[in-house]
PDB file of all heavy atoms in Angstrom:
ATOM      1  N   ASP A   1       0.862  -1.185   0.000  1.00  0.00           N
ATOM      2  CA  ASP A   1       0.000   0.000   0.000  1.00  0.00           C
ATOM      3  C   ASP A   1       0.901   1.239   0.000  1.00  0.00           C
ATOM      4  O   ASP A   1       1.195   1.808   1.063  1.00  0.00           O
ATOM      5  CB  ASP A   1      -0.896  -0.013   1.245  1.00  0.00           C
ATOM      6  CG  ASP A   1      -1.811   1.203   1.322  1.00  0.00           C
ATOM      7  OD1 ASP A   1      -1.861   1.982   0.340  1.00  0.00           O
ATOM      8  OD2 ASP A   1      -2.461   1.396   2.376  1.00  0.00           O
ATOM      9  N   PRO A   2       1.350   1.684  -1.178  1.00  0.00           N
ATOM     10  CA  PRO A   2       2.294   2.817  -1.223  1.00  0.00           C
ATOM     11  C   PRO A   2       1.767   4.073  -0.540  1.00  0.00           C
ATOM     12  O   PRO A   2       2.502   4.742   0.186  1.00  0.00           O
ATOM     13  CB  PRO A   2       2.488   3.050  -2.728  1.00  0.00           C
ATOM     14  CG  PRO A   2       2.166   1.734  -3.352  1.00  0.00           C
ATOM     15  CD  PRO A   2       1.071   1.139  -2.515  1.00  0.00           C
ATOM     16  N   LYS A   3       0.500   4.401  -0.748  1.00  0.00           N
ATOM     17  CA  LYS A   3      -0.057   5.610  -0.151  1.00  0.00           C
ATOM     18  C   LYS A   3      -0.063   5.511   1.376  1.00  0.00           C
ATOM     19  O   LYS A   3       0.316   6.443   2.086  1.00  0.00           O
ATOM     20  CB  LYS A   3      -1.468   5.848  -0.679  1.00  0.00           C
ATOM     21  CG  LYS A   3      -2.145   7.087  -0.103  1.00  0.00           C
ATOM     22  CD  LYS A   3      -3.523   7.271  -0.710  1.00  0.00           C
ATOM     23  CE  LYS A   3      -4.271   8.434  -0.094  1.00  0.00           C
ATOM     24  NZ  LYS A   3      -5.634   8.585  -0.673  1.00  0.00           N
ATOM     25  N   GLY A   4      -0.500   4.354   1.889  1.00  0.00           N
ATOM     26  CA  GLY A   4      -0.512   4.163   3.335  1.00  0.00           C
ATOM     27  C   GLY A   4       0.892   4.214   3.917  1.00  0.00           C
ATOM     28  O   GLY A   4       1.113   4.767   5.002  1.00  0.00           O
ATOM     29  N   TRP A   5       1.841   3.628   3.173  1.00  0.00           N
ATOM     30  CA  TRP A   5       3.245   3.617   3.632  1.00  0.00           C
ATOM     31  C   TRP A   5       3.773   5.047   3.724  1.00  0.00           C
ATOM     32  O   TRP A   5       4.371   5.434   4.738  1.00  0.00           O
ATOM     33  CB  TRP A   5       4.081   2.794   2.656  1.00  0.00           C
ATOM     34  CG  TRP A   5       5.491   2.523   3.091  1.00  0.00           C
ATOM     35  CD1 TRP A   5       5.971   1.394   3.692  1.00  0.00           C
ATOM     36  CD2 TRP A   5       6.617   3.402   2.940  1.00  0.00           C
ATOM     37  NE1 TRP A   5       7.313   1.513   3.925  1.00  0.00           N
ATOM     38  CE2 TRP A   5       7.744   2.746   3.484  1.00  0.00           C
ATOM     39  CE3 TRP A   5       6.781   4.677   2.419  1.00  0.00           C
ATOM     40  CZ2 TRP A   5       8.999   3.313   3.497  1.00  0.00           C
ATOM     41  CZ3 TRP A   5       8.040   5.261   2.437  1.00  0.00           C
ATOM     42  CH2 TRP A   5       9.135   4.576   2.967  1.00  0.00           C
ATOM     43  N   LEU A   6       3.554   5.844   2.674  1.00  0.00           N
ATOM     44  CA  LEU A   6       4.039   7.221   2.665  1.00  0.00           C
ATOM     45  C   LEU A   6       3.390   8.045   3.777  1.00  0.00           C
ATOM     46  O   LEU A   6       4.057   8.840   4.454  1.00  0.00           O
ATOM     47  CB  LEU A   6       3.747   7.878   1.312  1.00  0.00           C
ATOM     48  CG  LEU A   6       4.669   7.500   0.151  1.00  0.00           C
ATOM     49  CD1 LEU A   6       4.130   8.090  -1.149  1.00  0.00           C
ATOM     50  CD2 LEU A   6       6.092   7.993   0.398  1.00  0.00           C
ATOM     51  N   THR A   7       2.086   7.836   3.971  1.00  0.00           N
ATOM     52  CA  THR A   7       1.375   8.586   5.017  1.00  0.00           C
ATOM     53  C   THR A   7       1.928   8.258   6.395  1.00  0.00           C
ATOM     54  O   THR A   7       2.175   9.140   7.219  1.00  0.00           O
ATOM     55  CB  THR A   7      -0.130   8.269   4.970  1.00  0.00           C
ATOM     56  OG1 THR A   7      -0.648   8.586   3.670  1.00  0.00           O
ATOM     57  CG2 THR A   7      -0.893   9.074   6.020  1.00  0.00           C
ATOM     58  N   THR A   8       2.138   6.975   6.652  1.00  0.00           N
ATOM     59  CA  THR A   8       2.654   6.551   7.958  1.00  0.00           C
ATOM     60  C   THR A   8       4.046   7.103   8.214  1.00  0.00           C
ATOM     61  O   THR A   8       4.345   7.650   9.291  1.00  0.00           O
ATOM     62  CB  THR A   8       2.679   5.015   8.042  1.00  0.00           C
ATOM     63  OG1 THR A   8       1.354   4.516   7.880  1.00  0.00           O
ATOM     64  CG2 THR A   8       3.236   4.555   9.377  1.00  0.00           C
ATOM     65  N   VAL A   9       4.945   6.988   7.214  1.00  0.00           N
ATOM     66  CA  VAL A   9       6.317   7.462   7.386  1.00  0.00           C
ATOM     67  C   VAL A   9       6.345   8.985   7.544  1.00  0.00           C
ATOM     68  O   VAL A   9       7.071   9.522   8.392  1.00  0.00           O
ATOM     69  CB  VAL A   9       7.191   7.014   6.195  1.00  0.00           C
ATOM     70  CG1 VAL A   9       8.572   7.666   6.267  1.00  0.00           C
ATOM     71  CG2 VAL A   9       7.325   5.503   6.187  1.00  0.00           C
ATOM     72  N   ALA A  10       5.541   9.688   6.742  1.00  0.00           N
ATOM     73  CA  ALA A  10       5.503  11.150   6.847  1.00  0.00           C
ATOM     74  C   ALA A  10       4.993  11.589   8.216  1.00  0.00           C
ATOM     75  O   ALA A  10       5.510  12.535   8.813  1.00  0.00           O
ATOM     76  CB  ALA A  10       4.616  11.729   5.743  1.00  0.00           C
ATOM     77  N   TRP A  11       3.953  10.892   8.713  1.00  0.00           N
ATOM     78  CA  TRP A  11       3.415  11.219  10.037  1.00  0.00           C
ATOM     79  C   TRP A  11       4.472  11.013  11.121  1.00  0.00           C
ATOM     80  O   TRP A  11       4.637  11.842  12.027  1.00  0.00           O
ATOM     81  CB  TRP A  11       2.178  10.357  10.311  1.00  0.00           C
ATOM     82  CG  TRP A  11       1.575  10.564  11.681  1.00  0.00           C
ATOM     83  CD1 TRP A  11       1.596   9.703  12.724  1.00  0.00           C
ATOM     84  CD2 TRP A  11       0.862  11.718  12.142  1.00  0.00           C
ATOM     85  NE1 TRP A  11       0.950  10.235  13.813  1.00  0.00           N
ATOM     86  CE2 TRP A  11       0.488  11.482  13.480  1.00  0.00           C
ATOM     87  CE3 TRP A  11       0.511  12.921  11.548  1.00  0.00           C
ATOM     88  CZ2 TRP A  11      -0.219  12.402  14.222  1.00  0.00           C
ATOM     89  CZ3 TRP A  11      -0.208  13.846  12.305  1.00  0.00           C
ATOM     90  CH2 TRP A  11      -0.571  13.575  13.626  1.00  0.00           C
ATOM     91  N   ARG A  12       5.210   9.910  11.027  1.00  0.00           N
ATOM     92  CA  ARG A  12       6.261   9.645  12.022  1.00  0.00           C
ATOM     93  C   ARG A  12       7.365  10.694  11.934  1.00  0.00           C
ATOM     94  O   ARG A  12       7.903  11.127  12.946  1.00  0.00           O
ATOM     95  CB  ARG A  12       6.838   8.244  11.802  1.00  0.00           C
ATOM     96  CG  ARG A  12       5.873   7.135  12.220  1.00  0.00           C
ATOM     97  CD  ARG A  12       6.424   5.780  11.840  1.00  0.00           C
ATOM     98  NE  ARG A  12       5.521   4.697  12.247  1.00  0.00           N
ATOM     99  CZ  ARG A  12       5.627   3.441  11.832  1.00  0.00           C
ATOM    100  NH1 ARG A  12       6.596   3.111  10.986  1.00  0.00           N
ATOM    101  NH2 ARG A  12       4.780   2.522  12.250  1.00  0.00           N
ATOM    102  N   ARG A  13       7.720  11.084  10.695  1.00  0.00           N
ATOM    103  CA  ARG A  13       8.745  12.116  10.526  1.00  0.00           C
ATOM    104  C   ARG A  13       8.289  13.433  11.175  1.00  0.00           C
ATOM    105  O   ARG A  13       9.065  14.123  11.838  1.00  0.00           O
ATOM    106  CB  ARG A  13       9.030  12.364   9.045  1.00  0.00           C
ATOM    107  CG  ARG A  13       9.778  11.238   8.364  1.00  0.00           C
ATOM    108  CD  ARG A  13      11.213  11.157   8.851  1.00  0.00           C
ATOM    109  NE  ARG A  13      12.007  10.275   8.028  1.00  0.00           N
ATOM    110  CZ  ARG A  13      12.091   8.951   8.188  1.00  0.00           C
ATOM    111  NH1 ARG A  13      11.417   8.380   9.176  1.00  0.00           N
ATOM    112  NH2 ARG A  13      12.835   8.212   7.402  1.00  0.00           N
ATOM    113  N   PHE A  14       7.025  13.774  10.975  1.00  0.00           N
ATOM    114  CA  PHE A  14       6.499  14.995  11.584  1.00  0.00           C
ATOM    115  C   PHE A  14       6.589  14.920  13.101  1.00  0.00           C
ATOM    116  O   PHE A  14       6.993  15.883  13.763  1.00  0.00           O
ATOM    117  CB  PHE A  14       5.046  15.221  11.156  1.00  0.00           C
ATOM    118  CG  PHE A  14       4.344  16.248  12.002  1.00  0.00           C
ATOM    119  CD1 PHE A  14       4.634  17.597  11.869  1.00  0.00           C
ATOM    120  CD2 PHE A  14       3.410  15.861  12.958  1.00  0.00           C
ATOM    121  CE1 PHE A  14       3.998  18.543  12.661  1.00  0.00           C
ATOM    122  CE2 PHE A  14       2.774  16.802  13.756  1.00  0.00           C
ATOM    123  CZ  PHE A  14       3.075  18.152  13.610  1.00  0.00           C
ATOM    124  N   LEU A  15       6.204  13.780  13.682  1.00  0.00           N
ATOM    125  CA  LEU A  15       6.253  13.632  15.136  1.00  0.00           C
ATOM    126  C   LEU A  15       7.680  13.756  15.650  1.00  0.00           C
ATOM    127  O   LEU A  15       7.930  14.384  16.689  1.00  0.00           O
ATOM    128  CB  LEU A  15       5.651  12.275  15.549  1.00  0.00           C
ATOM    129  CG  LEU A  15       4.137  12.117  15.351  1.00  0.00           C
ATOM    130  CD1 LEU A  15       3.707  10.712  15.754  1.00  0.00           C
ATOM    131  CD2 LEU A  15       3.363  13.160  16.152  1.00  0.00           C
ATOM    132  N   ASP A  16       8.641  13.147  14.917  1.00  0.00           N
ATOM    133  CA  ASP A  16      10.038  13.241  15.323  1.00  0.00           C
ATOM    134  C   ASP A  16      10.502  14.697  15.358  1.00  0.00           C
ATOM    135  O   ASP A  16      11.147  15.144  16.314  1.00  0.00           O
ATOM    136  CB  ASP A  16      10.925  12.448  14.353  1.00  0.00           C
ATOM    137  CG  ASP A  16      10.770  10.941  14.519  1.00  0.00           C
ATOM    138  OD1 ASP A  16      10.211  10.512  15.555  1.00  0.00           O
ATOM    139  OD2 ASP A  16      11.184  10.198  13.610  1.00  0.00           O
ATOM    140  N   VAL A  17      10.189  15.440  14.282  1.00  0.00           N
ATOM    141  CA  VAL A  17      10.609  16.837  14.209  1.00  0.00           C
ATOM    142  C   VAL A  17       9.919  17.664  15.293  1.00  0.00           C
ATOM    143  O   VAL A  17      10.533  18.513  15.939  1.00  0.00           O
ATOM    144  CB  VAL A  17      10.299  17.417  12.811  1.00  0.00           C
ATOM    145  CG1 VAL A  17      10.548  18.925  12.778  1.00  0.00           C
ATOM    146  CG2 VAL A  17      11.151  16.730  11.760  1.00  0.00           C
ATOM    147  N   ALA A  18       8.616  17.416  15.507  1.00  0.00           N
ATOM    148  CA  ALA A  18       7.867  18.164  16.518  1.00  0.00           C
ATOM    149  C   ALA A  18       8.443  17.922  17.912  1.00  0.00           C
ATOM    150  O   ALA A  18       8.578  18.861  18.709  1.00  0.00           O
ATOM    151  CB  ALA A  18       6.395  17.767  16.478  1.00  0.00           C
ATOM    152  N   ARG A  19       8.765  16.658  18.198  1.00  0.00           N
ATOM    153  CA  ARG A  19       9.342  16.357  19.519  1.00  0.00           C
ATOM    154  C   ARG A  19      10.704  17.030  19.682  1.00  0.00           C
ATOM    155  O   ARG A  19      11.018  17.569  20.737  1.00  0.00           O
ATOM    156  CB  ARG A  19       9.468  14.846  19.685  1.00  0.00           C
ATOM    157  CG  ARG A  19       8.120  14.146  19.884  1.00  0.00           C
ATOM    158  CD  ARG A  19       8.287  12.648  19.838  1.00  0.00           C
ATOM    159  NE  ARG A  19       7.000  11.960  19.935  1.00  0.00           N
ATOM    160  CZ  ARG A  19       6.697  10.867  19.261  1.00  0.00           C
ATOM    161  NH1 ARG A  19       7.575  10.317  18.445  1.00  0.00           N
ATOM    162  NH2 ARG A  19       5.509  10.307  19.391  1.00  0.00           N
ATOM    163  N   ALA A  20      11.536  16.957  18.617  1.00  0.00           N
ATOM    164  CA  ALA A  20      12.854  17.583  18.702  1.00  0.00           C
ATOM    165  C   ALA A  20      12.734  19.088  18.893  1.00  0.00           C
ATOM    166  O   ALA A  20      13.470  19.697  19.667  1.00  0.00           O
ATOM    167  CB  ALA A  20      13.664  17.270  17.438  1.00  0.00           C
ATOM    168  N   ASP A  21      11.770  19.697  18.179  1.00  0.00           N
ATOM    169  CA  ASP A  21      11.578  21.138  18.293  1.00  0.00           C
ATOM    170  C   ASP A  21      11.080  21.509  19.688  1.00  0.00           C
ATOM    171  O   ASP A  21      11.511  22.509  20.278  1.00  0.00           O
ATOM    172  CB  ASP A  21      10.578  21.601  17.236  1.00  0.00           C
ATOM    173  CG  ASP A  21      10.459  23.115  17.189  1.00  0.00           C
ATOM    174  OD1 ASP A  21      11.498  23.774  16.981  1.00  0.00           O
ATOM    175  OD2 ASP A  21       9.351  23.632  17.376  1.00  0.00           O
ATOM    176  N   ALA A  22      10.166  20.699  20.231  1.00  0.00           N
ATOM    177  CA  ALA A  22       9.659  20.965  21.577  1.00  0.00           C
ATOM    178  C   ALA A  22      10.780  20.855  22.609  1.00  0.00           C
ATOM    179  O   ALA A  22      10.880  21.672  23.533  1.00  0.00           O
ATOM    180  CB  ALA A  22       8.533  19.992  21.911  1.00  0.00           C
ATOM    181  N   ALA A  23      11.644  19.847  22.426  1.00  0.00           N
ATOM    182  CA  ALA A  23      12.758  19.681  23.356  1.00  0.00           C
ATOM    183  C   ALA A  23      13.719  20.854  23.265  1.00  0.00           C
ATOM    184  O   ALA A  23      14.217  21.357  24.274  1.00  0.00           O
ATOM    185  CB  ALA A  23      13.489  18.367  23.063  1.00  0.00           C
ATOM    186  N   ARG A  24      13.988  21.311  22.019  1.00  0.00           N
ATOM    187  CA  ARG A  24      14.885  22.443  21.839  1.00  0.00           C
ATOM    188  C   ARG A  24      14.316  23.696  22.495  1.00  0.00           C
ATOM    189  O   ARG A  24      15.023  24.437  23.181  1.00  0.00           O
ATOM    190  CB  ARG A  24      15.114  22.691  20.349  1.00  0.00           C
ATOM    191  CG  ARG A  24      15.922  23.946  20.055  1.00  0.00           C
ATOM    192  CD  ARG A  24      16.090  24.167  18.565  1.00  0.00           C
ATOM    193  NE  ARG A  24      14.834  24.325  17.885  1.00  0.00           N
ATOM    194  CZ  ARG A  24      14.113  25.438  17.876  1.00  0.00           C
ATOM    195  NH1 ARG A  24      14.543  26.494  18.529  1.00  0.00           N
ATOM    196  NH2 ARG A  24      12.971  25.504  17.228  1.00  0.00           N
ATOM    197  N   ARG A  25      13.001  23.943  22.283  1.00  0.00           N
ATOM    198  CA  ARG A  25      12.391  25.135  22.864  1.00  0.00           C
ATOM    199  C   ARG A  25      12.409  25.078  24.387  1.00  0.00           C
ATOM    200  O   ARG A  25      12.594  26.095  25.056  1.00  0.00           O
ATOM    201  CB  ARG A  25      10.963  25.277  22.358  1.00  0.00           C
ATOM    202  CG  ARG A  25      10.892  25.576  20.872  1.00  0.00           C
ATOM    203  CD  ARG A  25       9.503  25.932  20.434  1.00  0.00           C
ATOM    204  NE  ARG A  25       9.459  26.148  19.008  1.00  0.00           N
ATOM    205  CZ  ARG A  25       8.454  26.726  18.373  1.00  0.00           C
ATOM    206  NH1 ARG A  25       7.412  27.150  19.054  1.00  0.00           N
ATOM    207  NH2 ARG A  25       8.480  26.883  17.062  1.00  0.00           N
ATOM    208  N   ARG A  26      12.221  23.875  24.916  1.00  0.00           N
ATOM    209  CA  ARG A  26      12.264  23.729  26.368  1.00  0.00           C
ATOM    210  C   ARG A  26      13.661  24.065  26.899  1.00  0.00           C
ATOM    211  O   ARG A  26      13.808  24.741  27.914  1.00  0.00           O
ATOM    212  CB  ARG A  26      11.882  22.297  26.762  1.00  0.00           C
ATOM    213  CG  ARG A  26      11.946  22.024  28.273  1.00  0.00           C
ATOM    214  CD  ARG A  26      11.082  22.994  29.048  1.00  0.00           C
ATOM    215  NE  ARG A  26      11.210  22.809  30.484  1.00  0.00           N
ATOM    216  CZ  ARG A  26      10.936  23.744  31.375  1.00  0.00           C
ATOM    217  NH1 ARG A  26      10.524  24.940  30.986  1.00  0.00           N
ATOM    218  NH2 ARG A  26      11.075  23.506  32.659  1.00  0.00           N
ATOM    219  N   ARG A  27      14.701  23.618  26.155  1.00  0.00           N
ATOM    220  CA  ARG A  27      16.065  23.940  26.575  1.00  0.00           C
ATOM    221  C   ARG A  27      16.295  25.450  26.530  1.00  0.00           C
ATOM    222  O   ARG A  27      16.946  26.015  27.405  1.00  0.00           O
ATOM    223  CB  ARG A  27      17.075  23.222  25.677  1.00  0.00           C
ATOM    224  CG  ARG A  27      17.135  21.721  25.888  1.00  0.00           C
ATOM    225  CD  ARG A  27      18.390  21.130  25.292  1.00  0.00           C
ATOM    226  NE  ARG A  27      18.478  21.322  23.860  1.00  0.00           N
ATOM    227  CZ  ARG A  27      17.992  20.491  22.965  1.00  0.00           C
ATOM    228  NH1 ARG A  27      17.372  19.380  23.372  1.00  0.00           N
ATOM    229  NH2 ARG A  27      18.123  20.710  21.676  1.00  0.00           N
ATOM    230  N   GLU A  28      15.766  26.110  25.485  1.00  0.00           N
ATOM    231  CA  GLU A  28      15.926  27.561  25.392  1.00  0.00           C
ATOM    232  C   GLU A  28      15.194  28.269  26.531  1.00  0.00           C
ATOM    233  O   GLU A  28      15.680  29.247  27.092  1.00  0.00           O
ATOM    234  CB  GLU A  28      15.411  28.050  24.042  1.00  0.00           C
ATOM    235  CG  GLU A  28      16.290  27.610  22.867  1.00  0.00           C
ATOM    236  CD  GLU A  28      15.669  27.954  21.532  1.00  0.00           C
ATOM    237  OE1 GLU A  28      14.492  28.373  21.510  1.00  0.00           O
ATOM    238  OE2 GLU A  28      16.356  27.788  20.510  1.00  0.00           O
ATOM    239  N   ASP A  29      13.990  27.767  26.893  1.00  0.00           N
ATOM    240  CA  ASP A  29      13.239  28.343  28.006  1.00  0.00           C
ATOM    241  C   ASP A  29      14.021  28.188  29.308  1.00  0.00           C
ATOM    242  O   ASP A  29      14.035  29.096  30.151  1.00  0.00           O
ATOM    243  CB  ASP A  29      11.875  27.661  28.141  1.00  0.00           C
ATOM    244  CG  ASP A  29      10.932  28.029  27.001  1.00  0.00           C
ATOM    245  OD1 ASP A  29      11.198  29.040  26.321  1.00  0.00           O
ATOM    246  OD2 ASP A  29       9.956  27.288  26.775  1.00  0.00           O
ATOM    247  N   LEU A  30      14.667  27.039  29.456  1.00  0.00           N
ATOM    248  CA  LEU A  30      15.435  26.800  30.674  1.00  0.00           C
ATOM    249  C   LEU A  30      16.599  27.776  30.792  1.00  0.00           C
ATOM    250  O   LEU A  30      16.972  28.201  31.893  1.00  0.00           O
ATOM    251  CB  LEU A  30      15.957  25.356  30.705  1.00  0.00           C
ATOM    252  CG  LEU A  30      14.888  24.275  30.952  1.00  0.00           C
ATOM    253  CD1 LEU A  30      15.515  22.892  30.813  1.00  0.00           C
ATOM    254  CD2 LEU A  30      14.255  24.438  32.333  1.00  0.00           C
ATOM    255  N   VAL A  31      17.192  28.135  29.622  1.00  0.00           N
ATOM    256  CA  VAL A  31      18.276  29.110  29.648  1.00  0.00           C
ATOM    257  C   VAL A  31      17.762  30.441  30.205  1.00  0.00           C
ATOM    258  O   VAL A  31      18.392  31.085  31.043  1.00  0.00           O
ATOM    259  CB  VAL A  31      18.864  29.314  28.234  1.00  0.00           C
ATOM    260  CG1 VAL A  31      19.882  30.451  28.247  1.00  0.00           C
ATOM    261  CG2 VAL A  31      19.507  28.029  27.758  1.00  0.00           C
ATOM    262  N   ASP A  32      16.572  30.870  29.715  1.00  0.00           N
ATOM    263  CA  ASP A  32      16.002  32.134  30.177  1.00  0.00           C
ATOM    264  C   ASP A  32      15.626  32.090  31.652  1.00  0.00           C
ATOM    265  O   ASP A  32      15.624  33.110  32.334  1.00  0.00           O
ATOM    266  CB  ASP A  32      14.754  32.486  29.348  1.00  0.00           C
ATOM    267  CG  ASP A  32      15.103  32.750  27.894  1.00  0.00           C
ATOM    268  OD1 ASP A  32      16.263  33.130  27.637  1.00  0.00           O
ATOM    269  OD2 ASP A  32      14.222  32.559  27.036  1.00  0.00           O
ATOM    270  N   GLU A  33      15.268  30.879  32.132  1.00  0.00           N
ATOM    271  CA  GLU A  33      14.810  30.748  33.511  1.00  0.00           C
ATOM    272  C   GLU A  33      15.927  30.436  34.491  1.00  0.00           C
ATOM    273  O   GLU A  33      15.694  30.264  35.676  1.00  0.00           O
ATOM    274  CB  GLU A  33      13.765  29.610  33.591  1.00  0.00           C
ATOM    275  CG  GLU A  33      12.495  29.895  32.776  1.00  0.00           C
ATOM    276  CD  GLU A  33      11.660  28.649  32.604  1.00  0.00           C
ATOM    277  OE1 GLU A  33      12.006  27.607  33.228  1.00  0.00           O
ATOM    278  OE2 GLU A  33      10.676  28.693  31.866  1.00  0.00           O
ATOM    279  N   GLU A  34      17.167  30.355  33.996  1.00  0.00           N
ATOM    280  CA  GLU A  34      18.274  29.971  34.868  1.00  0.00           C
ATOM    281  C   GLU A  34      18.428  30.972  36.015  1.00  0.00           C
ATOM    282  O   GLU A  34      18.359  32.187  35.804  1.00  0.00           O
ATOM    283  CB  GLU A  34      19.577  29.918  34.076  1.00  0.00           C
ATOM    284  CG  GLU A  34      19.727  28.643  33.254  1.00  0.00           C
ATOM    285  CD  GLU A  34      21.073  28.582  32.557  1.00  0.00           C
ATOM    286  OE1 GLU A  34      21.832  29.567  32.667  1.00  0.00           O
ATOM    287  OE2 GLU A  34      21.358  27.565  31.926  1.00  0.00           O
ATOM    288  N   PRO A  35      18.650  30.492  37.225  1.00  0.00           N
ATOM    289  CA  PRO A  35      18.875  31.393  38.371  1.00  0.00           C
ATOM    290  C   PRO A  35      20.256  32.023  38.306  1.00  0.00           C
ATOM    291  O   PRO A  35      21.058  31.697  37.426  1.00  0.00           O
ATOM    292  CB  PRO A  35      18.766  30.431  39.574  1.00  0.00           C
ATOM    293  CG  PRO A  35      19.174  29.105  39.015  1.00  0.00           C
ATOM    294  CD  PRO A  35      18.681  29.076  37.589  1.00  0.00           C
ATOM    295  N   GLU A  36      20.518  32.919  39.227  1.00  0.00           N
ATOM    296  CA  GLU A  36      21.840  33.522  39.295  1.00  0.00           C
ATOM    297  C   GLU A  36      22.900  32.434  39.478  1.00  0.00           C
ATOM    298  O   GLU A  36      22.663  31.402  40.097  1.00  0.00           O
ATOM    299  CB  GLU A  36      21.913  34.505  40.473  1.00  0.00           C
ATOM    300  CG  GLU A  36      21.066  35.761  40.286  1.00  0.00           C
ATOM    301  CD  GLU A  36      21.535  36.581  39.112  1.00  0.00           C
ATOM    302  OE1 GLU A  36      22.767  36.704  38.933  1.00  0.00           O
ATOM    303  OE2 GLU A  36      20.681  37.087  38.369  1.00  0.00           O
TER     304      GLU A  36
END
């Protein structure tokens, strides 16, 4: 099922990028929130 295969892989790729981006933003937020 080529269409199903492409949809599944694309969805997983999106989730991977979204998770990586969320983790990166969290790290940036932590930098701003760092104490003295």
